[in-house]
Amino acid sequence: MCTYATLNTDLAASAKGPDSAWFKVTHGTVYFDHPVHNMAAEHTLNIDFTDPTAGPAHRVAVELTPSSARALVASIEAALASAPAELTV
């Protein structure tokens, strides 16, 4: 079953695209849906990192199994927690 729940967030980030060039990322879209490429699960947590002003070529997309998504969230939280607080504001 698709939830159609889509969450958007503004980002201050960079991403490395398929041509090995870095580009600005200003937008993140997160949704839970059927994967396009990751056939390890019937549904995946999908994240698109984009700069909408730069066109569709400036996009990095990931499809994570639910367990991989949870593991990634835990790793992100642990990495942030390990840094001095004044650096993570």
Protein backbone atom coordinates (compact mmCIF):
# COMPACT_ATOMS: atom_id res chain seq x y z
CA MET A 1 0.00 0.00 0.00
CA CYS A 2 1.33 3.46 -0.89
CA THR A 3 1.10 6.15 1.76
CA TYR A 4 1.58 9.11 -0.59
CA ALA A 5 3.15 10.84 2.41
CA THR A 6 5.82 13.16 1.06
CA LEU A 7 7.94 15.39 3.27
CA ASN A 8 10.02 18.28 1.96
CA THR A 9 12.81 20.14 3.67
CA ASP A 10 15.18 22.96 2.82
CA LEU A 11 18.84 21.94 2.89
CA ALA A 12 22.22 23.63 2.94
CA ALA A 13 24.29 20.86 1.38
CA SER A 14 26.36 19.61 -1.52
CA ALA A 15 26.16 16.42 -3.55
CA LYS A 16 28.41 14.69 -6.02
CA GLY A 17 26.66 13.74 -9.23
CA PRO A 18 27.29 11.05 -11.83
CA ASP A 19 29.76 13.25 -13.72
CA SER A 20 31.86 13.50 -10.52
CA ALA A 21 31.11 17.20 -10.19
CA TRP A 22 29.88 18.66 -6.93
CA PHE A 23 26.74 20.77 -6.95
CA LYS A 24 24.65 22.69 -4.45
CA VAL A 25 21.69 20.90 -2.85
CA THR A 26 18.89 23.11 -1.53
CA HIS A 27 15.97 20.71 -1.25
CA GLY A 28 15.27 17.26 0.17
CA THR A 29 12.19 15.17 -0.55
CA VAL A 30 11.48 12.05 1.52
CA TYR A 31 8.71 9.57 0.78
CA PHE A 32 7.83 5.91 1.33
CA ASP A 33 6.77 4.16 -1.86
CA HIS A 34 7.51 1.39 -4.32
CA PRO A 35 11.15 1.48 -5.44
CA VAL A 36 12.17 2.06 -9.04
CA HIS A 37 15.54 0.25 -8.85
CA ASN A 38 16.00 -1.32 -5.40
CA MET A 39 14.20 -4.63 -5.66
CA ALA A 40 15.34 -5.75 -2.17
CA ALA A 41 11.98 -4.62 -0.77
CA GLU A 42 8.43 -4.04 -1.95
CA HIS A 43 8.53 -0.53 -0.47
CA THR A 44 11.49 1.73 0.22
CA LEU A 45 12.20 5.03 1.89
CA ASN A 46 13.15 7.27 -1.01
CA ILE A 47 15.16 10.46 -0.69
CA ASP A 48 15.81 12.96 -3.46
CA PHE A 49 18.47 15.62 -2.96
CA THR A 50 18.03 18.45 -5.48
CA ASP A 51 18.60 22.04 -6.45
CA PRO A 52 15.33 22.75 -8.28
CA THR A 53 16.75 25.90 -9.86
CA ALA A 54 19.50 23.88 -11.58
CA GLY A 55 17.24 21.46 -13.44
CA PRO A 56 16.70 17.69 -13.28
CA ALA A 57 20.35 16.78 -13.91
CA HIS A 58 21.23 18.14 -10.47
CA ARG A 59 19.64 15.34 -8.48
CA VAL A 60 20.82 12.49 -6.30
CA ALA A 61 18.22 9.89 -5.38
CA VAL A 62 18.43 6.95 -2.98
CA GLU A 63 16.03 4.10 -2.26
CA LEU A 64 16.58 2.51 1.16
CA THR A 65 14.98 -0.58 2.61
CA PRO A 66 13.22 0.28 5.89
CA SER A 67 15.96 -1.39 7.95
CA SER A 68 18.68 0.44 5.99
CA ALA A 69 16.88 3.76 6.48
CA ARG A 70 16.64 3.20 10.23
CA ALA A 71 20.32 2.21 10.40
CA LEU A 72 21.27 5.34 8.47
CA VAL A 73 19.23 7.56 10.82
CA ALA A 74 20.95 5.94 13.83
CA SER A 75 24.37 6.45 12.24
CA ILE A 76 23.63 10.10 11.49
CA GLU A 77 22.49 10.69 15.08
CA ALA A 78 25.57 8.91 16.45
CA ALA A 79 27.94 10.92 14.25
CA LEU A 80 26.33 14.19 15.31
CA ALA A 81 26.40 13.16 18.97
CA SER A 82 30.12 12.35 18.76
CA ALA A 83 31.03 15.87 17.62
CA PRO A 84 31.46 18.79 20.02
CA ALA A 85 28.10 20.53 20.50
CA GLU A 86 29.41 23.90 19.33
CA LEU A 87 30.19 22.37 15.92
CA THR A 88 26.71 20.95 15.35
CA VAL A 89 24.60 24.06 15.84
